Amino acid sequence: MLDNIILKDDSAGSIAEIIPGLGFNCHRFAAMHAGQTVEVLYAAANFTKGTERPSGSGTPILFPFPGRIRGTSLVWQGKTYPLEAGDGRGNAIHGFVHTRPWRVLEQTPTRLVGQFHAGRDDPSLLARWPSDFRITATYVLAGQTLAMNYLCENMGKVPLPCGLGTHPYFRVPLGGSDGAACLVRLPVRERWELAEMLPTGRRLPLENAGQFAAGQRFAEMKFDDAFTGLEFSSGWCRPSIHDPESGATVTVAFDSAFRECVVYTPPHREAICIEPYTCVAGAFNLDPGLDTGLRILPPGGSFTAQVEFRVS
């Protein structure tokens, strides 16, 4: 059994559980709504034992690349970096940090800070990515909200190409008895064209963008798609899931550091993934002249990003 850290806001009745030894994954968040506990996140039954796929439960953190890179190597500025196939199609997927142990830096009853530094925590990665990197994640539990803050840094002496994503699995239903009836709202206007699950570089308009924004029943959704053209209000994009039986709504708010959103409906149909990415998956394989969101941090450079899960 892996170490499991529990955060509690006793006054609000909310709880979050994080496993530092498996990618600093928050695999449980529950909050009170209308007098009942709503379990927000899906996790496989044996996830805390470390026997399940790290990217298949809770809230995996994807860095320094979210989504797929074609094949098992990254070619960057004339040099080849070896990667590992992990998607069942022969492609590398989801970076390195979601499978590795993180260090806990700070802990209070409602706040937890963890960090992964490639050069310190797994020096073998220095031969597998163009520059040394560090990511620090902070979880803060307050009332019916779980806030996640990320700091991504280039710790090396050369530029760091990178992207950040989170891959949360939201339960359906949310306190009710019928997941199929849940309404999922996605404020997106475009999608990336995919070929064999990798983007071609073409952005296509969504003809039914109004329906996406108004909400679709989970029963009618089957996705593993990359969306863009996100709609922000006051600096935040706010997709949501609403359970009409329980009346509970989970809002997935993320700031403008994230410019893409992958939506995935796992075959088990017990969850939906609404995944904010700072760059489109596969950006490393696309024409550098395209606007893909790929970040290239100079030595000492950094960026921050924020995500919140809120029950109302």
Foldseek 3Di string as FASTA:
>chain_A
DADKDKADDVVFGWIWIFGQFQLRFTQWIWGDDPHDIWTWWADPPCVRVVPDDLLPGGKHKFPQAAAWAPAAWFQDPNDIAGHADDDVPRTHHRHDRRGGHWAWDDDDNFKTKTKDWCVPRPVVCVRRFVFTKMKMWMWGDDRQKIKIKMKIWGQGQFKGKGKIKMWTWTFAPTPDDDSQAKWKAFQFFWFFDDDPRAGPLDIGGDPVNVDNHVTDGLNPDAFFTKTFRGDDDPFKGWIWIADVVSRKMKIKIKGPCFGMWTWHQDPVNRTIITMTMQFDHNPSVDDPVGPGNIDIAHNGGMDMIMIMIGMD
